[in-house]
């Protein structure tokens, strides 16, 4: 794992057989899994516990997603998944994410993701918790 970086985060991954089809090419939906892990690790790197949020009736859901698939990843590829906060409001956070193959630095997939904060019991929007706002505000500061 990498250290917390306000303006971005990078998660190393490897492609396993479970990620691929019979031809050794990564399923398109697996990129979403990789991006989810990277967003979660970005938050965790700042000490914000998602499990704690569950006990406070807080959950996060992907509200909007735009993804472009470029070159496919293949079995045994080493990947780097990046997460860069791109903005936030009272109840949402935007991220830019990329999946890059380490060996040739080719961008395999790129996505813009909006994550909304909701009340776990009702599914209705709720304000982002203060700890998350603090992390997001830090990410909007010039480096």
C-alpha atoms as a PDB file:
ATOM      1  CA  UNK A   1       0.000   0.000   0.000  1.00  0.00           C
ATOM      2  CA  UNK A   2       1.050   3.577  -0.419  1.00  0.00           C
ATOM      3  CA  UNK A   3       0.960   6.366   2.136  1.00  0.00           C
ATOM      4  CA  UNK A   4      -1.999   8.748   2.293  1.00  0.00           C
ATOM      5  CA  UNK A   5      -1.802  11.304  -0.477  1.00  0.00           C
ATOM      6  CA  UNK A   6      -4.406  14.047  -0.405  1.00  0.00           C
ATOM      7  CA  UNK A   7      -4.542  14.457  -4.165  1.00  0.00           C
ATOM      8  CA  UNK A   8      -4.383  10.805  -5.096  1.00  0.00           C
ATOM      9  CA  UNK A   9      -3.802   7.245  -4.083  1.00  0.00           C
ATOM     10  CA  UNK A  10      -2.336   4.242  -5.842  1.00  0.00           C
ATOM     11  CA  UNK A  11      -3.139   0.598  -5.120  1.00  0.00           C
ATOM     12  CA  UNK A  12      -1.036  -2.206  -6.613  1.00  0.00           C
ATOM     13  CA  UNK A  13      -2.918  -5.330  -7.736  1.00  0.00           C
ATOM     14  CA  UNK A  14      -2.254  -8.478  -9.735  1.00  0.00           C
ATOM     15  CA  UNK A  15      -4.673 -10.202 -12.105  1.00  0.00           C
ATOM     16  CA  UNK A  16      -5.619 -13.686 -10.905  1.00  0.00           C
ATOM     17  CA  UNK A  17      -7.357 -16.495 -12.762  1.00  0.00           C
ATOM     18  CA  UNK A  18     -10.608 -15.689 -10.914  1.00  0.00           C
ATOM     19  CA  UNK A  19     -10.580 -12.266 -12.615  1.00  0.00           C
ATOM     20  CA  UNK A  20     -10.468 -13.628 -16.151  1.00  0.00           C
ATOM     21  CA  UNK A  21     -12.425 -15.461 -18.796  1.00  0.00           C
ATOM     22  CA  UNK A  22     -11.244 -18.690 -20.463  1.00  0.00           C
ATOM     23  CA  UNK A  23      -8.874 -16.664 -22.652  1.00  0.00           C
ATOM     24  CA  UNK A  24      -7.139 -15.020 -19.716  1.00  0.00           C
ATOM     25  CA  UNK A  25      -8.713 -11.576 -20.311  1.00  0.00           C
ATOM     26  CA  UNK A  26     -10.098  -9.650 -17.339  1.00  0.00           C
ATOM     27  CA  UNK A  27     -13.906  -9.434 -17.165  1.00  0.00           C
ATOM     28  CA  UNK A  28     -15.142  -5.876 -17.637  1.00  0.00           C
ATOM     29  CA  UNK A  29     -16.894  -5.823 -14.243  1.00  0.00           C
ATOM     30  CA  UNK A  30     -13.667  -6.687 -12.404  1.00  0.00           C
ATOM     31  CA  UNK A  31     -12.330  -3.196 -13.134  1.00  0.00           C
ATOM     32  CA  UNK A  32     -15.162  -1.865 -10.979  1.00  0.00           C
ATOM     33  CA  UNK A  33     -14.035  -4.166  -8.158  1.00  0.00           C
ATOM     34  CA  UNK A  34     -10.474  -2.880  -8.502  1.00  0.00           C
ATOM     35  CA  UNK A  35     -11.666   0.726  -8.387  1.00  0.00           C
ATOM     36  CA  UNK A  36     -13.870   0.058  -5.364  1.00  0.00           C
ATOM     37  CA  UNK A  37     -10.892  -1.385  -3.499  1.00  0.00           C
ATOM     38  CA  UNK A  38      -8.738   1.620  -4.376  1.00  0.00           C
ATOM     39  CA  UNK A  39     -11.388   4.103  -3.184  1.00  0.00           C
ATOM     40  CA  UNK A  40     -11.807   2.140   0.045  1.00  0.00           C
ATOM     41  CA  UNK A  41      -8.059   2.018   0.662  1.00  0.00           C
ATOM     42  CA  UNK A  42      -7.773   5.752  -0.077  1.00  0.00           C
ATOM     43  CA  UNK A  43     -10.314   6.469   2.675  1.00  0.00           C
ATOM     44  CA  UNK A  44      -8.697   3.962   5.033  1.00  0.00           C
ATOM     45  CA  UNK A  45      -5.262   5.549   4.496  1.00  0.00           C
ATOM     46  CA  UNK A  46      -6.604   8.643   6.270  1.00  0.00           C
ATOM     47  CA  UNK A  47      -7.931   6.648   9.209  1.00  0.00           C
ATOM     48  CA  UNK A  48     -11.588   6.999   8.246  1.00  0.00           C
ATOM     49  CA  UNK A  49     -13.270   3.718   9.140  1.00  0.00           C
ATOM     50  CA  UNK A  50     -16.123   2.654   6.905  1.00  0.00           C
ATOM     51  CA  UNK A  51     -17.235   0.050   9.453  1.00  0.00           C
ATOM     52  CA  UNK A  52     -17.613   2.818  12.034  1.00  0.00           C
ATOM     53  CA  UNK A  53     -19.946   4.559   9.619  1.00  0.00           C
ATOM     54  CA  UNK A  54     -22.206   1.520   9.486  1.00  0.00           C
ATOM     55  CA  UNK A  55     -22.704   1.743  13.246  1.00  0.00           C
ATOM     56  CA  UNK A  56     -23.666   5.416  12.738  1.00  0.00           C
ATOM     57  CA  UNK A  57     -26.257   4.568  10.032  1.00  0.00           C
ATOM     58  CA  UNK A  58     -23.942   5.759   7.224  1.00  0.00           C
ATOM     59  CA  UNK A  59     -23.336   3.969   3.951  1.00  0.00           C
ATOM     60  CA  UNK A  60     -21.918   4.921   0.565  1.00  0.00           C
ATOM     61  CA  UNK A  61     -23.292   3.967  -2.834  1.00  0.00           C
ATOM     62  CA  UNK A  62     -22.139   4.575  -6.376  1.00  0.00           C
ATOM     63  CA  UNK A  63     -24.629   7.042  -7.795  1.00  0.00           C
ATOM     64  CA  UNK A  64     -23.079   7.705 -11.194  1.00  0.00           C
ATOM     65  CA  UNK A  65     -20.335   6.046 -13.199  1.00  0.00           C
ATOM     66  CA  UNK A  66     -18.752   6.738 -16.559  1.00  0.00           C
ATOM     67  CA  UNK A  67     -16.071   4.288 -17.658  1.00  0.00           C
ATOM     68  CA  UNK A  68     -13.906   3.890 -20.723  1.00  0.00           C
ATOM     69  CA  UNK A  69     -12.219   0.578 -21.428  1.00  0.00           C
ATOM     70  CA  UNK A  70      -9.047   0.839 -23.474  1.00  0.00           C
ATOM     71  CA  UNK A  71      -6.701  -2.124 -23.549  1.00  0.00           C
ATOM     72  CA  UNK A  72      -7.636  -5.351 -21.714  1.00  0.00           C
ATOM     73  CA  UNK A  73      -5.711  -6.612 -18.712  1.00  0.00           C
ATOM     74  CA  UNK A  74      -4.621 -10.233 -18.833  1.00  0.00           C
ATOM     75  CA  UNK A  75      -3.811 -13.025 -16.424  1.00  0.00           C
ATOM     76  CA  UNK A  76      -0.760 -12.262 -14.214  1.00  0.00           C
ATOM     77  CA  UNK A  77      -0.577  -8.579 -15.201  1.00  0.00           C
ATOM     78  CA  UNK A  78       0.541  -6.267 -12.430  1.00  0.00           C
ATOM     79  CA  UNK A  79      -1.790  -3.294 -12.221  1.00  0.00           C
ATOM     80  CA  UNK A  80      -1.846   0.037 -10.464  1.00  0.00           C
ATOM     81  CA  UNK A  81      -5.271   1.468  -9.650  1.00  0.00           C
ATOM     82  CA  UNK A  82      -5.333   5.168  -8.901  1.00  0.00           C
ATOM     83  CA  UNK A  83      -7.958   7.194  -7.079  1.00  0.00           C
ATOM     84  CA  UNK A  84      -8.027  10.962  -7.261  1.00  0.00           C
ATOM     85  CA  UNK A  85     -10.717  12.985  -5.493  1.00  0.00           C
ATOM     86  CA  UNK A  86     -12.269  15.372  -8.018  1.00  0.00           C
ATOM     87  CA  UNK A  87     -14.844  17.266  -5.951  1.00  0.00           C
ATOM     88  CA  UNK A  88     -17.532  16.951  -3.324  1.00  0.00           C
ATOM     89  CA  UNK A  89     -20.801  18.398  -2.127  1.00  0.00           C
ATOM     90  CA  UNK A  90     -22.921  17.976   0.970  1.00  0.00           C
ATOM     91  CA  UNK A  91     -23.887  14.360   0.199  1.00  0.00           C
ATOM     92  CA  UNK A  92     -21.595  13.254  -2.653  1.00  0.00           C
ATOM     93  CA  UNK A  93     -17.944  12.726  -3.624  1.00  0.00           C
ATOM     94  CA  UNK A  94     -16.491  12.578  -7.146  1.00  0.00           C
ATOM     95  CA  UNK A  95     -13.423  10.527  -8.045  1.00  0.00           C
ATOM     96  CA  UNK A  96     -11.264  10.064 -11.137  1.00  0.00           C
ATOM     97  CA  UNK A  97      -9.886   6.553 -11.325  1.00  0.00           C
ATOM     98  CA  UNK A  98      -7.502   4.766 -13.651  1.00  0.00           C
ATOM     99  CA  UNK A  99      -6.259   1.214 -14.052  1.00  0.00           C
ATOM    100  CA  UNK A 100      -2.765   1.061 -15.538  1.00  0.00           C
ATOM    101  CA  UNK A 101      -0.639  -1.965 -16.435  1.00  0.00           C
ATOM    102  CA  UNK A 102       2.687  -1.552 -14.638  1.00  0.00           C
ATOM    103  CA  UNK A 103       4.896  -3.208 -17.287  1.00  0.00           C
ATOM    104  CA  UNK A 104       4.120  -0.731 -20.091  1.00  0.00           C
ATOM    105  CA  UNK A 105       2.174   2.019 -18.282  1.00  0.00           C
ATOM    106  CA  UNK A 106      -0.801   1.530 -20.628  1.00  0.00           C
ATOM    107  CA  UNK A 107      -4.085   2.876 -19.345  1.00  0.00           C
ATOM    108  CA  UNK A 108      -6.518  -0.041 -19.368  1.00  0.00           C
ATOM    109  CA  UNK A 109      -9.583   1.700 -17.978  1.00  0.00           C
ATOM    110  CA  UNK A 110     -10.523   5.162 -16.771  1.00  0.00           C
ATOM    111  CA  UNK A 111     -13.628   6.189 -14.869  1.00  0.00           C
ATOM    112  CA  UNK A 112     -15.385   9.127 -13.278  1.00  0.00           C
ATOM    113  CA  UNK A 113     -17.312   7.930 -10.238  1.00  0.00           C
ATOM    114  CA  UNK A 114     -19.805   9.752  -8.023  1.00  0.00           C
ATOM    115  CA  UNK A 115     -20.364   8.196  -4.613  1.00  0.00           C
ATOM    116  CA  UNK A 116     -23.316   9.321  -2.504  1.00  0.00           C
ATOM    117  CA  UNK A 117     -23.665   9.173   1.258  1.00  0.00           C
ATOM    118  CA  UNK A 118     -26.937   7.627   2.423  1.00  0.00           C
ATOM    119  CA  UNK A 119     -28.683   6.668   5.627  1.00  0.00           C
ATOM    120  CA  UNK A 120     -28.318   2.910   5.859  1.00  0.00           C
ATOM    121  CA  UNK A 121     -31.792   2.344   7.298  1.00  0.00           C
ATOM    122  CA  UNK A 122     -33.759   4.428   4.778  1.00  0.00           C
ATOM    123  CA  UNK A 123     -31.498   4.692   1.722  1.00  0.00           C
ATOM    124  CA  UNK A 124     -32.100   8.446   1.714  1.00  0.00           C
ATOM    125  CA  UNK A 125     -29.279  10.946   1.116  1.00  0.00           C
ATOM    126  CA  UNK A 126     -27.495  12.278   4.186  1.00  0.00           C
ATOM    127  CA  UNK A 127     -24.643  14.676   4.781  1.00  0.00           C
ATOM    128  CA  UNK A 128     -21.120  13.377   4.527  1.00  0.00           C
ATOM    129  CA  UNK A 129     -19.681  12.826   8.013  1.00  0.00           C
ATOM    130  CA  UNK A 130     -17.220  15.484   9.252  1.00  0.00           C
ATOM    131  CA  UNK A 131     -14.198  13.147   9.061  1.00  0.00           C
ATOM    132  CA  UNK A 132     -14.897  12.477   5.370  1.00  0.00           C
ATOM    133  CA  UNK A 133     -15.420  16.184   4.648  1.00  0.00           C
ATOM    134  CA  UNK A 134     -12.076  16.935   6.301  1.00  0.00           C
ATOM    135  CA  UNK A 135     -10.276  14.413   4.083  1.00  0.00           C
ATOM    136  CA  UNK A 136     -12.024  15.689   0.955  1.00  0.00           C
ATOM    137  CA  UNK A 137     -11.324  19.317   1.831  1.00  0.00           C
ATOM    138  CA  UNK A 138      -7.650  18.460   2.266  1.00  0.00           C
ATOM    139  CA  UNK A 139      -7.675  16.852  -1.198  1.00  0.00           C
ATOM    140  CA  UNK A 140      -8.882  20.117  -2.759  1.00  0.00           C
ATOM    141  CA  UNK A 141      -5.901  22.059  -1.421  1.00  0.00           C
ATOM    142  CA  UNK A 142      -2.997  22.756  -3.778  1.00  0.00           C
ATOM    143  CA  UNK A 143      -0.011  20.492  -3.200  1.00  0.00           C
END
